Protein backbone atom coordinates (compact mmCIF):
# COMPACT_ATOMS: atom_id res chain seq x y z
CA MET A 1 83.65 238.45 86.20
CA LEU A 2 82.19 236.35 83.31
CA LYS A 3 85.78 234.75 82.82
CA GLN A 4 85.65 233.64 86.92
CA LYS A 5 81.81 232.58 86.16
CA THR A 6 82.91 230.40 83.21
CA GLU A 7 86.17 229.06 85.34
CA SER A 8 84.46 228.38 88.28
CA ASP A 9 81.58 226.29 86.65
CA PHE A 10 84.27 224.34 84.35
CA TYR A 11 85.98 223.32 88.00
CA ALA A 12 82.41 222.46 89.62
CA CYS A 13 81.78 220.25 86.40
CA LEU A 14 85.11 218.62 86.71
CA TYR A 15 84.69 217.78 90.19
CA ALA A 16 81.76 216.37 89.93
CA CYS A 17 82.77 214.24 86.98
CA LEU A 18 85.84 212.80 89.35
CA LYS A 19 83.39 212.30 91.79
CA TRP A 20 81.20 210.18 89.67
CA ILE A 21 83.72 208.43 88.20
CA PHE A 22 85.51 207.19 91.49
CA LYS A 23 81.98 206.40 92.66
CA SER A 24 80.93 203.87 90.10
CA ILE A 25 84.69 202.67 90.88
CA LYS A 26 84.42 201.96 94.61
CA GLN A 27 80.76 200.31 93.29
CA LYS A 28 82.08 197.99 91.01
CA LEU A 29 84.82 196.95 93.49
CA GLU A 30 82.70 196.56 96.47
CA ALA A 31 80.30 194.64 94.02
CA PHE A 32 83.02 191.78 93.40
CA HIS A 33 84.84 192.01 96.59
CA LEU A 34 88.28 193.09 95.39
CA PHE A 35 90.29 193.93 98.31
CA PHE A 36 92.64 193.68 100.44
CA SER A 37 92.02 190.75 103.38
CA PRO A 38 94.41 190.10 105.69
CA GLY A 39 92.08 187.61 107.37
CA ALA A 40 91.40 185.83 104.79
CA PRO A 41 91.49 181.54 105.22
CA PRO A 42 95.26 180.44 105.62
CA MET A 43 95.92 177.90 102.34
CA LEU A 44 98.57 175.08 103.62
CA PHE A 45 102.03 175.69 101.51
CA MET A 46 102.73 172.43 99.55
CA ASP A 47 106.34 171.38 98.01
CA LEU A 48 105.77 170.83 94.43
CA ASP A 49 107.00 167.56 94.84
CA VAL A 50 104.30 166.46 96.88
CA ASP A 51 102.96 163.27 97.00
CA ASN A 52 99.04 164.35 96.56
CA LYS A 53 97.57 161.11 96.77
CA ALA A 54 99.75 159.70 100.07
CA HIS A 55 98.79 163.96 101.94
CA LEU A 56 94.99 163.92 100.42
CA SER A 57 93.88 159.67 101.41
CA GLY A 58 91.84 159.12 104.00
CA VAL A 59 90.65 163.42 104.00
CA ALA A 60 86.88 163.86 104.80
CA ASP A 61 85.43 165.03 101.38
CA VAL A 62 88.46 164.18 99.36
CA LYS A 63 88.39 160.54 96.93
CA VAL A 64 91.55 159.80 95.45
CA ILE A 65 90.86 157.77 91.90
CA LYS A 66 93.80 156.06 90.18
CA ILE A 67 92.94 156.71 86.08
CA SER A 68 96.76 155.79 85.09
CA GLU A 69 99.81 153.56 85.62
CA GLY A 70 103.13 154.82 86.57
CA PHE A 71 106.24 153.93 83.66
CA ASN A 72 109.35 155.28 82.13
CA SER A 73 109.38 157.81 79.38
CA LYS A 74 112.45 157.85 77.10
CA LEU A 75 112.02 160.17 73.94
CA THR A 76 112.42 158.86 70.49
CA ARG A 77 115.56 159.55 69.02
CA PRO A 78 115.87 162.21 66.85
CA MET A 79 117.12 161.47 63.14
CA LEU A 80 118.30 164.71 62.57
CA TRP A 81 120.29 166.70 65.20
CA ARG A 82 122.17 170.07 63.53
CA GLY A 83 123.17 173.30 64.01
CA ASN A 84 124.00 175.12 67.47
CA TYR A 85 122.29 172.90 69.83
CA THR A 86 123.19 173.40 73.66
CA ARG A 87 124.45 170.75 76.32
CA ARG A 88 121.43 171.00 77.86
CA GLN A 89 119.24 170.79 75.26
CA GLU A 90 120.92 167.53 74.77
CA ILE A 91 121.04 166.04 78.03
CA ARG A 92 116.63 167.24 78.05
CA GLN A 93 116.37 165.35 74.88
CA ARG A 94 118.14 162.01 75.98
CA GLN A 95 116.85 161.67 79.68
CA THR A 96 114.62 159.08 80.55
CA LEU A 97 111.33 160.67 82.82
CA THR A 98 109.67 158.68 85.36
CA PHE A 99 105.96 159.36 85.11
CA PRO A 100 104.21 158.37 88.25
CA ASP A 101 100.62 156.76 88.79
CA GLY A 102 97.87 159.26 87.83
CA TYR A 103 95.16 160.60 90.03
CA CYS A 104 91.79 162.38 89.72
CA TYR A 105 90.82 163.94 92.82
CA GLN A 106 87.24 164.47 93.84
CA LEU A 107 86.61 166.75 96.37
CA ASN A 108 83.43 168.09 98.05
CA ASN A 109 82.81 172.06 98.46
CA ALA A 110 85.69 172.74 96.99
CA LEU A 111 87.15 176.35 96.19
CA VAL A 112 88.61 176.95 92.30
CA ILE A 113 90.87 180.03 92.29
CA GLY A 114 93.43 182.15 90.54
CA LEU A 115 95.08 180.22 87.37
CA GLY A 116 94.84 176.57 88.24
CA GLY A 117 94.47 176.26 92.12
CA VAL A 118 92.17 173.73 93.99
CA ALA A 119 91.47 173.93 97.57
CA THR A 120 90.27 171.14 99.93
CA ALA A 121 87.04 172.20 102.00
CA ASN A 122 89.93 173.11 105.13
CA ASN A 123 91.61 175.16 102.87
CA GLU A 124 94.54 172.91 102.03
CA LEU A 125 95.97 173.91 98.27
CA LEU A 126 96.72 171.02 95.94
CA THR A 127 99.97 171.19 93.95
CA GLY A 128 102.27 168.57 92.72
CA ARG A 129 103.81 168.45 89.32
CA LEU A 130 100.95 167.05 87.88
CA LEU A 131 98.49 169.50 88.79
CA HIS A 132 100.95 172.57 87.74
CA LEU A 133 103.46 172.95 85.20
CA TYR A 134 105.03 175.98 86.29
CA LYS A 135 106.42 177.10 89.80
CA ILE A 136 103.67 178.69 91.13
CA PHE A 137 105.85 179.76 94.72
CA GLU A 138 107.96 181.62 93.56
CA GLU A 139 108.49 185.01 94.92
CA LYS A 140 105.49 184.55 97.39
CA ARG A 141 102.97 184.46 94.45
CA ILE A 142 100.62 182.25 92.95
CA LEU A 143 97.33 181.94 90.42
CA GLY A 144 97.81 185.82 90.08
CA PHE A 145 97.82 186.63 93.14
CA GLN A 146 100.07 187.79 96.36
CA PHE A 147 100.64 185.51 99.29
CA HIS A 148 101.52 186.43 102.72
CA GLN A 149 103.52 183.64 104.54
CA ASN A 150 103.04 182.62 107.95
CA GLY A 151 105.20 180.45 108.92
CA SER A 152 104.16 177.19 106.62
CA SER A 153 101.01 178.85 105.20
CA TYR A 154 100.35 181.69 102.85
CA THR A 155 97.22 183.97 103.03
CA LEU A 156 95.58 185.32 100.69
CA GLU A 157 95.57 189.34 100.03
CA ARG A 158 92.85 189.66 98.27
CA LYS A 159 89.53 188.95 98.72
CA LEU A 160 86.84 187.61 95.67
CA ARG A 161 83.86 187.28 95.14
CA GLU A 162 82.15 183.80 96.05
CA LYS A 163 80.06 181.61 93.52
CA LYS A 164 78.30 178.78 94.49
CA LEU A 165 78.04 175.93 92.03
CA PRO A 166 75.82 173.26 93.08
CA GLY A 167 76.52 169.74 91.24
CA SER A 168 79.49 168.03 89.85
CA TYR A 169 81.96 169.52 88.06
CA ILE A 170 84.96 168.76 85.95
CA LEU A 171 88.17 171.01 86.44
CA LEU A 172 90.05 170.96 82.91
CA ALA A 173 91.29 174.62 83.05
CA ARG A 174 94.79 175.49 83.07
CA ARG A 175 97.18 178.29 82.21
CA GLY A 176 97.94 178.80 78.97
CA GLY A 177 94.18 178.72 78.01
CA GLN A 178 94.10 180.92 74.72
CA SER A 179 96.88 179.34 72.98
CA TYR A 180 95.67 177.04 70.22
CA GLY A 181 98.66 174.45 71.32
CA HIS A 182 97.96 174.72 75.22
CA TRP A 183 94.65 173.16 74.36
CA LEU A 184 96.03 170.45 71.86
CA VAL A 185 98.60 169.28 74.05
CA ASP A 186 97.42 170.26 77.95
CA ILE A 187 93.71 170.89 77.86
CA VAL A 188 91.76 168.67 76.26
CA PRO A 189 93.91 166.05 76.50
CA ARG A 190 93.65 165.64 80.83
CA ILE A 191 89.93 164.12 79.85
CA ALA A 192 91.75 160.80 78.79
CA GLY A 193 91.20 157.95 81.30
CA LEU A 194 88.43 159.74 83.19
CA GLY A 195 85.39 157.57 81.64
CA ARG A 196 86.41 155.87 84.77
CA ALA A 197 86.03 158.50 86.92
CA ILE A 198 83.27 160.73 86.11
CA ARG A 199 79.85 161.03 84.25
CA PHE A 200 80.00 162.74 81.32
CA THR A 201 76.59 164.54 81.68
CA ASP A 202 79.13 166.70 84.31
CA LYS A 203 80.10 170.22 83.00
CA PHE A 204 83.31 171.20 82.61
CA ILE A 205 85.26 174.53 83.88
CA PHE A 206 87.58 176.14 82.11
CA TYR A 207 88.95 180.06 82.23
CA SER A 208 86.86 183.40 80.18
CA PRO A 209 86.90 183.18 77.31
CA VAL A 210 87.33 179.75 75.78
CA PRO A 211 88.24 180.35 71.86
CA PRO A 212 85.95 179.31 69.08
CA TYR A 213 88.71 176.79 67.96
CA ALA A 214 88.79 175.29 71.82
CA ARG A 215 84.52 174.97 71.36
CA PHE A 216 85.31 172.71 68.27
CA LEU A 217 87.79 170.87 69.55
CA LEU A 218 85.42 169.84 73.23
CA LYS A 219 82.58 169.41 70.72
CA ALA A 220 84.83 166.75 69.22
CA ILE A 221 85.69 164.75 72.26
CA GLY A 222 81.60 164.70 73.24
CA ILE A 223 81.85 168.03 75.21
CA SER A 224 78.45 170.23 74.57
CA GLU A 225 78.22 173.98 74.44
CA THR A 226 75.96 173.49 77.16
CA GLN A 227 78.93 171.41 79.60
CA VAL A 228 80.90 174.17 78.98
CA ILE A 229 81.25 176.37 82.64
CA GLU A 230 83.80 179.84 81.53
CA PHE A 231 85.13 180.87 84.64
CA ASN A 232 86.81 184.85 85.23
CA TRP A 233 89.81 184.34 87.66
CA ASN A 234 90.23 187.79 88.12
CA PHE A 235 87.43 188.24 89.83
CA GLU A 236 85.46 185.27 91.49
CA ALA A 237 86.28 182.27 93.37
CA LEU A 238 84.17 178.82 92.68
CA ARG A 239 82.82 177.00 95.26
CA VAL A 240 81.96 173.82 93.65
CA ASP A 241 79.47 170.94 95.63
CA GLU A 242 81.21 168.24 93.68
CA LEU A 243 84.57 168.45 91.96
CA PHE A 244 85.90 166.12 89.74
CA VAL A 245 90.36 167.34 89.17
CA PRO A 246 92.26 165.28 86.89
CA GLU A 247 96.10 165.60 86.70
CA PHE A 248 97.76 166.43 83.04
CA VAL A 249 99.10 163.46 80.68
CA ARG A 250 102.37 165.45 80.06
CA LEU A 251 104.89 166.00 82.42
CA TYR A 252 107.75 167.87 80.84
CA ASP A 253 108.38 166.77 77.13
CA HIS A 254 106.54 163.38 78.13
CA PHE A 255 102.76 161.75 77.29
CA LEU A 256 100.71 159.59 78.43
CA PRO A 257 100.28 156.88 75.74
CA SER A 258 96.18 157.41 75.92
CA THR A 259 96.79 161.03 74.94
CA VAL A 260 96.92 159.41 71.60
CA GLY A 261 93.27 158.59 71.62
CA VAL A 262 92.25 161.86 72.47
CA TRP A 263 93.66 162.89 69.45
CA ASP A 264 92.86 160.60 67.10
CA LYS A 265 89.20 161.14 68.17
CA ILE A 266 89.12 164.72 67.76
CA LYS A 267 91.36 163.71 63.61
CA ALA A 268 88.17 161.54 62.88
CA TYR A 269 85.69 164.42 64.19
CA ALA A 270 87.46 166.46 62.22
CA LEU A 271 87.74 164.96 58.79
CA ALA A 272 84.20 164.21 58.72
CA ASN A 273 83.41 167.92 59.51
CA ALA A 274 86.13 169.07 56.64
CA GLY A 275 83.52 169.98 53.87
CA LEU A 276 85.55 170.90 50.98
CA GLY A 277 88.83 170.47 52.42
CA TRP A 278 91.43 173.07 52.80
CA GLY A 279 90.76 175.09 49.70
CA GLU A 280 92.73 173.92 46.99
CA SER A 281 92.23 170.97 44.67
CA VAL A 282 95.20 168.63 46.04
CA THR A 283 96.01 168.16 49.59
CA PRO A 284 100.09 168.70 49.77
CA THR A 285 102.12 165.71 51.18
CA LYS A 286 105.25 168.77 52.34
CA ILE A 287 103.97 171.22 54.34
CA TYR A 288 105.97 174.13 56.24
CA VAL A 289 104.55 175.48 59.15
CA SER A 290 105.36 179.34 58.64
CA ARG A 291 104.66 181.50 61.87
CA GLY A 292 104.89 184.76 59.76
CA LYS A 293 101.18 186.20 59.95
CA LEU A 294 100.94 185.74 63.69
CA HIS A 295 100.00 188.81 65.44
CA LYS A 296 102.42 188.34 68.41
CA ASP A 297 105.42 185.64 67.42
CA GLN A 298 107.68 185.31 70.55
CA ARG A 299 110.32 183.44 68.45
CA CYS A 300 110.66 185.80 65.41
CA LEU A 301 112.53 183.87 62.41
CA LEU A 302 114.86 186.77 60.87
CA ASN A 303 115.76 184.87 57.70
CA ARG A 304 112.22 184.06 57.45
CA ALA A 305 111.64 184.37 54.02
CA GLU A 306 114.97 182.86 52.75
CA VAL A 307 114.47 179.48 54.71
CA GLU A 308 110.31 179.67 53.28
CA HIS A 309 111.98 180.58 49.83
CA TYR A 310 114.21 177.19 50.19
CA PHE A 311 111.18 174.48 51.17
CA ILE A 312 109.01 175.89 48.08
CA SER A 313 111.94 175.21 46.03
CA ARG A 314 111.87 171.45 47.79
CA GLY A 315 108.29 170.89 47.14
CA PHE A 316 106.77 172.12 49.94
CA VAL A 317 103.34 174.01 49.94
CA VAL A 318 104.12 176.71 52.87
CA ILE A 319 100.85 176.77 55.04
CA HIS A 320 100.01 179.39 58.33
CA PRO A 321 97.66 177.28 60.45
CA GLU A 322 96.36 180.44 62.10
CA LEU A 323 94.34 180.74 59.10
CA PHE A 324 92.79 177.95 58.54
CA SER A 325 89.51 176.15 60.96
CA VAL A 326 90.40 173.36 62.70
CA PRO A 327 89.04 170.64 60.25
CA GLN A 328 91.14 172.35 57.69
CA GLN A 329 94.25 172.28 59.61
CA VAL A 330 93.69 168.81 60.77
CA LEU A 331 93.08 167.53 57.37
CA LEU A 332 96.25 169.27 56.27
CA PHE A 333 98.66 167.54 58.99
CA ALA A 334 96.51 164.09 58.63
CA GLN A 335 97.79 163.68 54.80
CA ALA A 336 101.26 164.84 54.86
CA GLU A 337 104.41 163.01 54.85
CA VAL A 338 106.83 165.35 55.76
CA VAL A 339 105.90 169.02 58.38
CA ALA A 340 108.35 170.86 58.50
CA GLY A 341 108.49 174.75 60.30
CA GLU A 342 109.21 176.47 63.58
CA TYR A 343 108.79 175.24 66.91
CA GLY A 344 105.20 176.54 68.12
CA SER A 345 101.63 175.88 68.32
CA GLY A 346 100.89 175.57 64.83
CA LEU A 347 103.58 172.85 64.38
CA HIS A 348 101.60 171.07 67.48
CA ASN A 349 98.99 169.92 64.44
CA THR A 350 101.47 166.81 64.28
CA VAL A 351 99.31 164.95 67.05
CA PHE A 352 97.30 164.68 63.76
CA SER A 353 99.55 163.06 61.39
CA SER A 354 99.79 159.41 60.71
CA GLU A 355 102.82 156.99 61.91
CA GLY A 356 106.01 157.51 59.96
CA THR A 357 105.56 160.68 59.01
CA LEU A 358 108.74 162.82 59.00
CA VAL A 359 108.88 166.28 61.40
CA LEU A 360 111.82 168.73 60.93
CA VAL A 361 111.82 171.26 63.71
CA ILE A 362 113.71 174.85 63.85
CA GLN A 363 114.15 176.39 67.07
CA PRO A 364 116.18 178.71 69.05
CA ALA A 365 119.67 177.33 70.61
CA ASP A 366 118.18 178.74 73.79
CA VAL A 367 114.73 176.69 73.55
CA ALA A 368 114.79 173.56 75.57
CA PRO A 369 111.41 172.20 75.28
CA PHE A 370 111.31 169.14 72.90
CA LEU A 371 107.46 168.92 73.01
CA GLN A 372 107.69 167.69 69.21
CA SER A 373 110.04 164.60 70.70
CA GLY A 374 107.08 163.97 73.19
CA ILE A 375 104.45 163.93 70.55
CA ALA A 376 106.59 162.11 67.83
CA THR A 377 107.10 159.14 70.74
CA VAL A 378 103.87 158.03 71.60
CA LYS A 379 102.57 158.96 67.69
CA ASN A 380 105.63 156.83 66.44
CA GLN A 381 106.48 159.88 64.07
CA LYS A 382 110.20 160.38 62.89
CA ILE A 383 112.13 163.56 64.15
CA GLY A 384 114.84 166.21 63.14
CA TYR A 385 115.99 169.03 64.59
CA ILE A 386 117.61 172.18 63.41
CA PHE A 387 119.01 174.98 65.81
CA GLY A 388 119.58 178.19 65.08
CA SER A 389 120.81 181.05 66.94
CA LYS A 390 120.04 182.12 70.57
CA SER A 391 117.55 184.43 70.98
CA ASN A 392 118.21 188.18 71.26
CA SER A 393 115.99 190.43 73.92
CA SER A 394 113.16 190.39 71.47
CA GLY A 395 113.22 186.63 70.74
CA GLU A 396 114.57 187.11 67.57
CA TYR A 397 117.06 184.11 65.77
CA GLN A 398 118.48 183.14 62.81
CA VAL A 399 119.50 179.39 61.16
CA ASP A 400 122.53 179.12 59.31
CA PHE A 401 121.16 178.34 55.79
CA SER A 402 123.96 176.30 55.24
CA VAL A 403 122.70 174.37 58.01
CA LEU A 404 119.83 174.36 57.32
CA LYS A 405 119.84 173.06 53.42
CA ALA A 406 122.09 170.07 54.54
CA ALA A 407 119.96 168.71 57.57
CA VAL A 408 116.85 169.35 55.02
CA ASP A 409 118.37 167.44 52.14
CA ALA A 410 119.65 164.36 54.41
CA GLY A 411 116.47 164.31 55.57
CA LEU A 412 114.53 164.44 52.61
CA ASP A 413 117.18 161.82 50.90
CA GLY A 414 116.70 159.63 53.87
CA CYS A 415 120.25 159.82 55.25
CA PHE A 416 119.44 160.40 59.15
CA ASP A 417 122.29 161.48 61.20
CA ASP A 418 121.82 157.89 63.65
CA GLU A 419 122.53 155.47 60.69
């Protein structure tokens, strides 16, 4: 009898606990309005290559402001091109790309939603190559949410809490906000040229959370803590009285020349706040950028130890940028004459290196981006590539040591492929 009563009490307690848990979850969902809503307003489907300027000019509550001139961009020719490169990589490196005129869109009563989504007051979604660097309409999925297709329009499945922001704001948020490299090459540089379009007393919208290093970069270009607005796209949409949406300053591997002014501003501020430097009495002139201490390494160089040992034998100092403050990183790259390393965010610090700096990039044979060439082009730096094997399913690859040694020796001796 006692056993039956004990079991009965246990199940009653379990039922009460589960009931409380489900009630709490329901209350949270209702509080944030996270429910499927087939009746949500439709957003017009617009092709990635749509001319936003032509489409939005003359539309009520939208003003189009030109902030940069279009031009033909060609990446600087690599002085070293060694290893297992592919034809696709060779074509991408050598192609000439037409950079269109750049614009900033001023919208009244705009909606900010998901990962980079902006809709006008009448729910037309802004797209275009310079507003999204990825294919947002693939598989009927956009901005982190599913859409139902209905003819030429999409309907959002999930309705979010709508938060109203009175006043004027600038949208600088984009996908990749937890990556140091994206802050350097995509997010912060969007401020370039906006002096003609906005007031710097305005506030800036970023995805939450904004990392500490990003706050330093923002402060360096004149954006104070009080101007930073964090946006949790998982739980809310923003309805903004007046929103400025600048286009990106990077198109694939190519950059607007005005980007350099933003990087130089960060560099000057960082060097003035570098304190005691990077912790050693002499700042090295040859540095090797390792990814060996990253918590999550998407591209793992299997013979990293052998590669790093060789660079040390050639007078390089191996560094792990994530272990240094931003001012220390800027100091290291600003004073380096030769920078080598594995492709990734850490190596993008060459935006702070001087004109004429030699940059040697190690990357897998199946990695196509040549952001380092884009940086070298606008910074007038020398660039070389050493390609390893193709990455396996885990992202691991290795570089042929004999190819690496010959390429580094040639680079340091000034014996370049194009001479």
